[in-house]
Amino acid sequence: MKDLLRVKSLISTELETLLNSQIKKEAHSSAQYLAMSSWCDQNGFENSADYFFAQASEEREHQLKLFKYVLDMGGQALSPEVSSLKHEFESFREVFEFALETEIAITQSFKKIASTCHKEQDFVTMEFLNWFLKEQREEEYKARRAVELFDVIGEEGTGRWEIDKAVTKISYTSEQG
C-alpha cells in the first residue's frame, strides 16, 4: 500500500524529506524567536520582544505553509519535535546576531531545496519555493539592518533604548533589492 501511495505523490522522496526538514527548521525558528522575545522582555526591551514575537508568528506561518504543501502534493508531512533552544544571551546585540545567523541558515536550506528542484525538474515545487526565497531576502535584510543598528547607534548611554525603538521601524520593500 505504501508503494501505491508513493506513486500518487507529486514530489520525490528526496524533496519530501527536504521539505519535512525545512518544516522542522521553521518550527525551531518560531520557538527560538519566542525564546528571544522572552529574553528581550525580561531585560526591558519591550519593542524588541514584540518584534521577535511577530517573527515567531511569521515562522510558524511558514511552517504551516510548507506542511500544507507536502500534504497537497500527496506526501507525508511530519509534525516536528522542537528542542535545543537557546534561552540565555550574553547581550542585547547577541540576540540580533543570533537572529541573523538563523535567517542565513534558513536561506541556505531553501537554496538546497531549490537546487534539488532544478535537478529533478520539479517546476511546481520550485514555483512554490519562489515565495520563500523572496521572503528570505526580506528576513535577512531586516535581520542585517537590526544588527547594523548596534554599530550606527551604539550601545552607550541611551543607545540600547534607541535601538529597541528603532527595531520596530525596520521595513523592507521590493524596490530595495
N, C-alpha and C. Protein backbone atom coordinates (compact mmCIF):
# COMPACT_ATOMS: atom_id res chain seq x y z
N MET A 1 0.83 -1.20 0.00
CA MET A 1 0.00 0.00 0.00
C MET A 1 0.87 1.26 0.00
N LYS A 2 1.97 1.24 0.78
CA LYS A 2 2.83 2.41 0.84
C LYS A 2 3.41 2.74 -0.53
N ASP A 3 3.78 1.72 -1.32
CA ASP A 3 4.31 1.97 -2.67
C ASP A 3 3.27 2.63 -3.56
N LEU A 4 2.01 2.22 -3.41
CA LEU A 4 0.93 2.82 -4.18
C LEU A 4 0.77 4.29 -3.81
N LEU A 5 0.86 4.61 -2.52
CA LEU A 5 0.77 6.00 -2.08
C LEU A 5 1.92 6.83 -2.63
N ARG A 6 3.11 6.25 -2.69
CA ARG A 6 4.28 6.97 -3.22
C ARG A 6 4.05 7.33 -4.68
N VAL A 7 3.41 6.44 -5.43
CA VAL A 7 3.11 6.72 -6.84
C VAL A 7 2.17 7.91 -6.95
N LYS A 8 1.28 8.06 -5.99
CA LYS A 8 0.31 9.16 -6.02
C LYS A 8 0.92 10.49 -5.56
N SER A 9 2.10 10.45 -4.99
CA SER A 9 2.76 11.67 -4.54
C SER A 9 3.34 12.42 -5.73
N LEU A 10 3.18 13.71 -5.72
CA LEU A 10 3.69 14.54 -6.82
C LEU A 10 5.08 15.09 -6.54
N ILE A 11 5.66 14.69 -5.41
CA ILE A 11 7.04 15.10 -5.10
C ILE A 11 7.87 13.85 -4.82
N SER A 12 9.14 13.95 -5.12
CA SER A 12 10.03 12.81 -4.90
C SER A 12 10.25 12.58 -3.41
N THR A 13 10.73 11.42 -3.09
CA THR A 13 11.06 11.10 -1.70
C THR A 13 12.11 12.06 -1.16
N GLU A 14 13.11 12.40 -2.00
CA GLU A 14 14.17 13.31 -1.57
C GLU A 14 13.60 14.70 -1.26
N LEU A 15 12.73 15.21 -2.13
CA LEU A 15 12.15 16.53 -1.87
C LEU A 15 11.23 16.49 -0.66
N GLU A 16 10.49 15.42 -0.50
CA GLU A 16 9.63 15.30 0.68
C GLU A 16 10.47 15.35 1.95
N THR A 17 11.60 14.66 1.95
CA THR A 17 12.50 14.65 3.11
C THR A 17 13.04 16.06 3.36
N LEU A 18 13.46 16.73 2.30
CA LEU A 18 14.00 18.10 2.45
C LEU A 18 12.92 19.06 2.95
N LEU A 19 11.71 18.94 2.42
CA LEU A 19 10.62 19.82 2.86
C LEU A 19 10.25 19.54 4.31
N ASN A 20 10.25 18.28 4.72
CA ASN A 20 9.98 17.97 6.13
C ASN A 20 11.09 18.50 7.04
N SER A 21 12.30 18.46 6.55
CA SER A 21 13.41 19.04 7.30
C SER A 21 13.23 20.56 7.43
N GLN A 22 12.76 21.17 6.36
CA GLN A 22 12.51 22.63 6.41
C GLN A 22 11.36 22.95 7.35
N ILE A 23 10.34 22.11 7.38
CA ILE A 23 9.24 22.30 8.32
C ILE A 23 9.79 22.32 9.75
N LYS A 24 10.70 21.41 10.02
CA LYS A 24 11.31 21.35 11.36
C LYS A 24 12.12 22.61 11.64
N LYS A 25 12.85 23.08 10.65
CA LYS A 25 13.67 24.29 10.83
C LYS A 25 12.78 25.51 11.09
N GLU A 26 11.67 25.58 10.39
CA GLU A 26 10.75 26.71 10.60
C GLU A 26 10.11 26.63 12.00
N ALA A 27 9.77 25.42 12.44
CA ALA A 27 9.22 25.24 13.79
C ALA A 27 10.25 25.63 14.83
N HIS A 28 11.49 25.23 14.60
CA HIS A 28 12.57 25.58 15.53
C HIS A 28 12.78 27.09 15.56
N SER A 29 12.77 27.72 14.39
CA SER A 29 12.94 29.18 14.31
C SER A 29 11.82 29.89 15.07
N SER A 30 10.60 29.40 14.89
CA SER A 30 9.46 30.00 15.58
C SER A 30 9.65 29.92 17.09
N ALA A 31 9.99 28.74 17.56
CA ALA A 31 10.20 28.57 19.01
C ALA A 31 11.39 29.38 19.49
N GLN A 32 12.44 29.45 18.68
CA GLN A 32 13.63 30.22 19.07
C GLN A 32 13.29 31.71 19.16
N TYR A 33 12.52 32.20 18.22
CA TYR A 33 12.12 33.61 18.28
C TYR A 33 11.27 33.89 19.51
N LEU A 34 10.46 32.94 19.92
CA LEU A 34 9.70 33.12 21.17
C LEU A 34 10.64 33.22 22.36
N ALA A 35 11.66 32.38 22.37
CA ALA A 35 12.66 32.44 23.46
C ALA A 35 13.38 33.79 23.44
N MET A 36 13.68 34.29 22.26
CA MET A 36 14.34 35.59 22.13
C MET A 36 13.41 36.72 22.58
N SER A 37 12.14 36.59 22.26
CA SER A 37 11.14 37.55 22.70
C SER A 37 11.09 37.59 24.23
N SER A 38 11.09 36.44 24.82
CA SER A 38 11.05 36.36 26.28
C SER A 38 12.29 37.00 26.89
N TRP A 39 13.47 36.71 26.34
CA TRP A 39 14.70 37.30 26.86
C TRP A 39 14.64 38.82 26.77
N CYS A 40 14.21 39.32 25.62
CA CYS A 40 14.12 40.78 25.45
C CYS A 40 13.14 41.38 26.45
N ASP A 41 12.00 40.75 26.61
CA ASP A 41 11.01 41.25 27.55
C ASP A 41 11.57 41.28 28.97
N GLN A 42 12.22 40.21 29.37
CA GLN A 42 12.78 40.12 30.72
C GLN A 42 13.88 41.15 30.96
N ASN A 43 14.51 41.60 29.88
CA ASN A 43 15.60 42.56 30.02
C ASN A 43 15.19 43.99 29.66
N GLY A 44 13.89 44.22 29.58
CA GLY A 44 13.38 45.57 29.40
C GLY A 44 13.34 46.09 27.98
N PHE A 45 13.49 45.22 27.00
CA PHE A 45 13.47 45.64 25.60
C PHE A 45 12.12 45.27 25.00
N GLU A 46 11.12 46.03 25.36
CA GLU A 46 9.73 45.71 25.01
C GLU A 46 9.48 45.70 23.50
N ASN A 47 10.02 46.67 22.80
CA ASN A 47 9.81 46.72 21.34
C ASN A 47 10.46 45.53 20.65
N SER A 48 11.64 45.17 21.09
CA SER A 48 12.33 44.01 20.51
C SER A 48 11.59 42.72 20.85
N ALA A 49 11.02 42.66 22.05
CA ALA A 49 10.22 41.50 22.42
C ALA A 49 9.04 41.36 21.46
N ASP A 50 8.39 42.47 21.16
CA ASP A 50 7.27 42.45 20.20
C ASP A 50 7.75 42.06 18.81
N TYR A 51 8.92 42.57 18.41
CA TYR A 51 9.50 42.26 17.10
C TYR A 51 9.74 40.75 16.97
N PHE A 52 10.34 40.16 17.99
CA PHE A 52 10.63 38.72 17.93
C PHE A 52 9.36 37.88 18.06
N PHE A 53 8.38 38.38 18.79
CA PHE A 53 7.11 37.68 18.88
C PHE A 53 6.45 37.62 17.49
N ALA A 54 6.49 38.73 16.78
CA ALA A 54 5.95 38.77 15.42
C ALA A 54 6.74 37.84 14.49
N GLN A 55 8.06 37.81 14.66
CA GLN A 55 8.89 36.91 13.86
C GLN A 55 8.52 35.46 14.13
N ALA A 56 8.26 35.13 15.40
CA ALA A 56 7.86 33.76 15.77
C ALA A 56 6.58 33.38 15.04
N SER A 57 5.64 34.28 15.01
CA SER A 57 4.37 34.04 14.34
C SER A 57 4.58 33.82 12.84
N GLU A 58 5.44 34.62 12.26
CA GLU A 58 5.72 34.52 10.83
C GLU A 58 6.37 33.17 10.50
N GLU A 59 7.31 32.75 11.32
CA GLU A 59 7.97 31.46 11.09
C GLU A 59 6.98 30.31 11.23
N ARG A 60 6.04 30.43 12.15
CA ARG A 60 5.00 29.41 12.31
C ARG A 60 4.14 29.35 11.05
N GLU A 61 3.82 30.50 10.48
CA GLU A 61 3.07 30.53 9.22
C GLU A 61 3.84 29.84 8.10
N HIS A 62 5.15 30.05 8.06
CA HIS A 62 5.98 29.40 7.05
C HIS A 62 5.94 27.88 7.24
N GLN A 63 6.05 27.45 8.49
CA GLN A 63 5.99 26.03 8.80
C GLN A 63 4.69 25.42 8.29
N LEU A 64 3.59 26.09 8.59
CA LEU A 64 2.29 25.56 8.19
C LEU A 64 2.09 25.57 6.68
N LYS A 65 2.63 26.58 6.02
CA LYS A 65 2.54 26.66 4.56
C LYS A 65 3.28 25.48 3.92
N LEU A 66 4.47 25.19 4.42
CA LEU A 66 5.23 24.04 3.92
C LEU A 66 4.52 22.72 4.23
N PHE A 67 4.01 22.62 5.44
CA PHE A 67 3.30 21.42 5.88
C PHE A 67 2.13 21.12 4.94
N LYS A 68 1.34 22.14 4.68
CA LYS A 68 0.16 22.00 3.82
C LYS A 68 0.58 21.64 2.39
N TYR A 69 1.67 22.22 1.92
CA TYR A 69 2.14 21.92 0.56
C TYR A 69 2.50 20.44 0.43
N VAL A 70 3.24 19.92 1.40
CA VAL A 70 3.61 18.50 1.36
C VAL A 70 2.36 17.63 1.31
N LEU A 71 1.38 17.96 2.14
CA LEU A 71 0.12 17.21 2.13
C LEU A 71 -0.59 17.33 0.78
N ASP A 72 -0.68 18.55 0.27
CA ASP A 72 -1.36 18.79 -1.00
C ASP A 72 -0.72 18.02 -2.15
N MET A 73 0.58 17.80 -2.05
CA MET A 73 1.31 17.09 -3.10
C MET A 73 1.27 15.58 -2.91
N GLY A 74 0.54 15.12 -1.91
CA GLY A 74 0.40 13.68 -1.68
C GLY A 74 1.49 13.08 -0.82
N GLY A 75 2.30 13.93 -0.23
CA GLY A 75 3.37 13.44 0.64
C GLY A 75 2.90 13.32 2.08
N GLN A 76 3.82 12.88 2.93
CA GLN A 76 3.52 12.78 4.35
C GLN A 76 4.27 13.91 5.06
N ALA A 77 3.52 14.86 5.56
CA ALA A 77 4.10 15.96 6.32
C ALA A 77 4.27 15.50 7.76
N LEU A 78 5.43 15.80 8.32
CA LEU A 78 5.73 15.35 9.68
C LEU A 78 5.70 16.54 10.64
N SER A 79 4.97 16.37 11.73
CA SER A 79 4.94 17.39 12.77
C SER A 79 6.21 17.24 13.60
N PRO A 80 7.04 18.28 13.62
CA PRO A 80 8.36 18.14 14.23
C PRO A 80 8.38 18.35 15.74
N GLU A 81 9.37 17.74 16.34
CA GLU A 81 9.67 17.98 17.74
C GLU A 81 10.72 19.09 17.78
N VAL A 82 10.55 20.02 18.68
CA VAL A 82 11.49 21.14 18.78
C VAL A 82 12.26 21.02 20.09
N SER A 83 13.58 21.10 19.98
CA SER A 83 14.44 21.04 21.16
C SER A 83 15.67 21.90 20.92
N SER A 84 16.52 21.96 21.90
CA SER A 84 17.80 22.68 21.81
C SER A 84 17.64 24.17 21.52
N LEU A 85 16.75 24.79 22.24
CA LEU A 85 16.57 26.24 22.09
C LEU A 85 17.54 26.98 22.99
N LYS A 86 17.96 28.13 22.52
CA LYS A 86 18.83 29.00 23.31
C LYS A 86 17.94 30.00 24.04
N HIS A 87 18.03 30.01 25.36
CA HIS A 87 17.19 30.90 26.16
C HIS A 87 17.98 32.06 26.79
N GLU A 88 19.26 31.90 26.91
CA GLU A 88 20.09 32.92 27.55
C GLU A 88 21.06 33.51 26.55
N PHE A 89 21.21 34.82 26.63
CA PHE A 89 22.11 35.53 25.75
C PHE A 89 23.01 36.43 26.59
N GLU A 90 24.23 36.62 26.14
CA GLU A 90 25.20 37.44 26.87
C GLU A 90 24.90 38.94 26.76
N SER A 91 24.24 39.31 25.64
CA SER A 91 23.99 40.73 25.42
C SER A 91 22.80 40.92 24.50
N PHE A 92 22.31 42.13 24.49
CA PHE A 92 21.23 42.53 23.59
C PHE A 92 21.65 42.31 22.14
N ARG A 93 22.86 42.72 21.81
CA ARG A 93 23.37 42.55 20.45
C ARG A 93 23.42 41.08 20.05
N GLU A 94 23.81 40.21 20.97
CA GLU A 94 23.91 38.79 20.64
C GLU A 94 22.57 38.21 20.18
N VAL A 95 21.48 38.70 20.74
CA VAL A 95 20.16 38.23 20.34
C VAL A 95 19.95 38.49 18.84
N PHE A 96 20.29 39.68 18.41
CA PHE A 96 20.09 40.04 17.00
C PHE A 96 21.10 39.37 16.07
N GLU A 97 22.32 39.18 16.54
CA GLU A 97 23.30 38.45 15.74
C GLU A 97 22.86 37.01 15.56
N PHE A 98 22.30 36.41 16.61
CA PHE A 98 21.80 35.05 16.54
C PHE A 98 20.63 34.97 15.55
N ALA A 99 19.77 35.97 15.55
CA ALA A 99 18.65 36.01 14.60
C ALA A 99 19.17 36.06 13.16
N LEU A 100 20.19 36.87 12.91
CA LEU A 100 20.76 36.96 11.57
C LEU A 100 21.36 35.63 11.15
N GLU A 101 22.11 35.00 12.03
CA GLU A 101 22.69 33.69 11.72
C GLU A 101 21.60 32.68 11.39
N THR A 102 20.52 32.72 12.13
CA THR A 102 19.40 31.81 11.89
C THR A 102 18.80 32.04 10.51
N GLU A 103 18.58 33.30 10.15
CA GLU A 103 17.99 33.60 8.85
C GLU A 103 18.90 33.20 7.70
N ILE A 104 20.19 33.38 7.86
CA ILE A 104 21.15 32.97 6.82
C ILE A 104 21.09 31.45 6.65
N ALA A 105 21.03 30.72 7.74
CA ALA A 105 20.96 29.25 7.67
C ALA A 105 19.66 28.80 6.99
N ILE A 106 18.57 29.49 7.29
CA ILE A 106 17.29 29.14 6.66
C ILE A 106 17.35 29.40 5.15
N THR A 107 17.95 30.50 4.75
CA THR A 107 18.11 30.81 3.33
C THR A 107 18.92 29.72 2.64
N GLN A 108 20.02 29.30 3.25
CA GLN A 108 20.85 28.25 2.67
C GLN A 108 20.07 26.95 2.51
N SER A 109 19.22 26.65 3.48
CA SER A 109 18.40 25.45 3.42
C SER A 109 17.41 25.52 2.25
N PHE A 110 16.78 26.67 2.08
CA PHE A 110 15.86 26.83 0.94
C PHE A 110 16.61 26.73 -0.39
N LYS A 111 17.81 27.25 -0.44
CA LYS A 111 18.59 27.15 -1.67
C LYS A 111 18.91 25.69 -2.01
N LYS A 112 19.15 24.89 -0.99
CA LYS A 112 19.40 23.46 -1.21
C LYS A 112 18.15 22.78 -1.78
N ILE A 113 17.00 23.13 -1.24
CA ILE A 113 15.75 22.56 -1.76
C ILE A 113 15.55 23.01 -3.21
N ALA A 114 15.80 24.29 -3.49
CA ALA A 114 15.64 24.81 -4.85
C ALA A 114 16.60 24.10 -5.82
N SER A 115 17.80 23.85 -5.37
CA SER A 115 18.77 23.14 -6.21
C SER A 115 18.27 21.73 -6.55
N THR A 116 17.68 21.08 -5.57
CA THR A 116 17.12 19.75 -5.81
C THR A 116 15.94 19.83 -6.78
N CYS A 117 15.12 20.87 -6.64
CA CYS A 117 14.01 21.06 -7.59
C CYS A 117 14.52 21.20 -9.01
N HIS A 118 15.58 21.99 -9.18
CA HIS A 118 16.16 22.16 -10.52
C HIS A 118 16.70 20.84 -11.04
N LYS A 119 17.40 20.11 -10.19
CA LYS A 119 17.98 18.83 -10.59
C LYS A 119 16.89 17.86 -11.03
N GLU A 120 15.78 17.84 -10.30
CA GLU A 120 14.68 16.91 -10.60
C GLU A 120 13.68 17.48 -11.61
N GLN A 121 13.88 18.71 -12.01
CA GLN A 121 12.96 19.42 -12.89
C GLN A 121 11.54 19.44 -12.31
N ASP A 122 11.48 19.68 -10.99
CA ASP A 122 10.20 19.81 -10.30
C ASP A 122 9.84 21.29 -10.28
N PHE A 123 9.25 21.73 -11.38
CA PHE A 123 8.96 23.15 -11.55
C PHE A 123 7.80 23.62 -10.68
N VAL A 124 6.92 22.72 -10.31
CA VAL A 124 5.79 23.06 -9.44
C VAL A 124 6.30 23.43 -8.04
N THR A 125 7.16 22.57 -7.51
CA THR A 125 7.72 22.86 -6.18
C THR A 125 8.62 24.09 -6.25
N MET A 126 9.35 24.25 -7.34
CA MET A 126 10.21 25.43 -7.49
C MET A 126 9.37 26.70 -7.48
N GLU A 127 8.25 26.68 -8.17
CA GLU A 127 7.36 27.85 -8.17
C GLU A 127 6.88 28.14 -6.74
N PHE A 128 6.53 27.10 -6.01
CA PHE A 128 6.11 27.25 -4.61
C PHE A 128 7.24 27.85 -3.78
N LEU A 129 8.47 27.40 -4.00
CA LEU A 129 9.62 27.87 -3.22
C LEU A 129 9.99 29.33 -3.51
N ASN A 130 9.65 29.81 -4.69
CA ASN A 130 10.00 31.18 -5.04
C ASN A 130 9.47 32.18 -4.00
N TRP A 131 8.28 31.92 -3.48
CA TRP A 131 7.73 32.80 -2.44
C TRP A 131 8.64 32.82 -1.22
N PHE A 132 9.13 31.66 -0.81
CA PHE A 132 10.00 31.57 0.36
C PHE A 132 11.35 32.22 0.11
N LEU A 133 11.89 32.07 -1.09
CA LEU A 133 13.17 32.70 -1.41
C LEU A 133 13.05 34.22 -1.35
N LYS A 134 11.96 34.75 -1.86
CA LYS A 134 11.73 36.19 -1.77
C LYS A 134 11.55 36.60 -0.31
N GLU A 135 10.83 35.82 0.45
CA GLU A 135 10.62 36.09 1.87
C GLU A 135 11.94 36.08 2.63
N GLN A 136 12.82 35.16 2.29
CA GLN A 136 14.12 35.10 2.97
C GLN A 136 14.97 36.33 2.66
N ARG A 137 14.85 36.85 1.46
CA ARG A 137 15.57 38.09 1.13
C ARG A 137 15.14 39.19 2.09
N GLU A 138 13.83 39.27 2.35
CA GLU A 138 13.30 40.25 3.30
C GLU A 138 13.76 39.96 4.73
N GLU A 139 13.70 38.70 5.13
CA GLU A 139 14.08 38.33 6.50
C GLU A 139 15.54 38.64 6.78
N GLU A 140 16.41 38.29 5.84
CA GLU A 140 17.83 38.58 6.01
C GLU A 140 18.09 40.08 6.03
N TYR A 141 17.42 40.81 5.18
CA TYR A 141 17.57 42.26 5.15
C TYR A 141 17.24 42.86 6.51
N LYS A 142 16.07 42.49 7.05
CA LYS A 142 15.64 43.04 8.34
C LYS A 142 16.60 42.65 9.46
N ALA A 143 17.06 41.42 9.44
CA ALA A 143 17.99 40.96 10.49
C ALA A 143 19.32 41.70 10.39
N ARG A 144 19.80 41.91 9.16
CA ARG A 144 21.06 42.65 8.98
C ARG A 144 20.92 44.10 9.44
N ARG A 145 19.82 44.72 9.06
CA ARG A 145 19.59 46.11 9.47
C ARG A 145 19.54 46.23 10.99
N ALA A 146 18.91 45.27 11.65
CA ALA A 146 18.83 45.29 13.11
C ALA A 146 20.22 45.21 13.73
N VAL A 147 21.08 44.34 13.21
CA VAL A 147 22.45 44.23 13.74
C VAL A 147 23.21 45.51 13.46
N GLU A 148 23.00 46.11 12.30
CA GLU A 148 23.69 47.35 11.95
C GLU A 148 23.34 48.49 12.90
N LEU A 149 22.15 48.46 13.49
CA LEU A 149 21.77 49.50 14.44
C LEU A 149 22.75 49.60 15.60
N PHE A 150 23.31 48.48 16.00
CA PHE A 150 24.25 48.49 17.12
C PHE A 150 25.51 49.27 16.77
N ASP A 151 25.93 49.22 15.50
CA ASP A 151 27.10 49.97 15.07
C ASP A 151 26.76 51.44 14.80
N VAL A 152 25.60 51.67 14.24
CA VAL A 152 25.20 53.04 13.88
C VAL A 152 24.85 53.85 15.13
N ILE A 153 24.06 53.28 16.00
CA ILE A 153 23.59 54.00 17.19
C ILE A 153 24.56 53.84 18.35
N GLY A 154 25.12 52.65 18.49
CA GLY A 154 25.99 52.36 19.64
C GLY A 154 25.15 52.02 20.86
N GLU A 155 25.76 51.33 21.80
CA GLU A 155 25.03 50.86 22.97
C GLU A 155 25.23 51.72 24.21
N GLU A 156 26.09 52.69 24.13
CA GLU A 156 26.37 53.53 25.30
C GLU A 156 25.21 54.45 25.62
N GLY A 157 25.11 54.84 26.86
CA GLY A 157 24.06 55.76 27.30
C GLY A 157 22.68 55.21 27.00
N THR A 158 21.92 55.95 26.23
CA THR A 158 20.57 55.51 25.87
C THR A 158 20.55 54.69 24.57
N GLY A 159 21.71 54.26 24.13
CA GLY A 159 21.83 53.54 22.86
C GLY A 159 20.94 52.33 22.75
N ARG A 160 20.95 51.48 23.77
CA ARG A 160 20.12 50.26 23.72
C ARG A 160 18.64 50.62 23.64
N TRP A 161 18.25 51.66 24.36
CA TRP A 161 16.86 52.12 24.31
C TRP A 161 16.53 52.61 22.90
N GLU A 162 17.43 53.35 22.29
CA GLU A 162 17.22 53.85 20.92
C GLU A 162 17.15 52.69 19.92
N ILE A 163 18.02 51.71 20.10
CA ILE A 163 18.00 50.52 19.23
C ILE A 163 16.66 49.81 19.37
N ASP A 164 16.22 49.63 20.62
CA ASP A 164 14.95 48.95 20.86
C ASP A 164 13.81 49.68 20.15
N LYS A 165 13.82 50.99 20.16
CA LYS A 165 12.80 51.77 19.45
C LYS A 165 12.94 51.63 17.93
N ALA A 166 14.17 51.65 17.45
CA ALA A 166 14.42 51.64 16.00
C ALA A 166 14.07 50.30 15.36
N VAL A 167 14.15 49.23 16.11
CA VAL A 167 13.85 47.90 15.56
C VAL A 167 12.45 47.85 14.96
N THR A 168 11.52 48.53 15.58
CA THR A 168 10.13 48.50 15.10
C THR A 168 9.96 49.23 13.77
N LYS A 169 10.94 50.04 13.39
CA LYS A 169 10.83 50.83 12.17
C LYS A 169 11.52 50.20 10.97
N ILE A 170 12.14 49.05 11.17
CA ILE A 170 12.82 48.38 10.07
C ILE A 170 11.77 47.79 9.14
N SER A 171 11.85 48.15 7.88
CA SER A 171 10.92 47.59 6.91
C SER A 171 11.67 47.28 5.63
N TYR A 172 11.03 46.54 4.80
CA TYR A 172 11.62 46.12 3.54
C TYR A 172 10.59 46.29 2.44
N THR A 173 11.03 46.83 1.32
CA THR A 173 10.17 46.88 0.14
C THR A 173 10.93 46.26 -1.01
N SER A 174 10.22 45.70 -1.95
CA SER A 174 10.88 45.00 -3.07
C SER A 174 11.77 45.94 -3.89
N GLU A 175 11.52 47.23 -3.81
CA GLU A 175 12.35 48.18 -4.54
C GLU A 175 13.77 48.23 -4.00
N GLN A 176 13.94 47.72 -2.75
CA GLN A 176 15.27 47.77 -2.13
C GLN A 176 16.18 46.67 -2.65
N GLY A 177 15.70 45.75 -3.35
CA GLY A 177 16.60 44.70 -3.81
C GLY A 177 15.94 43.84 -4.75
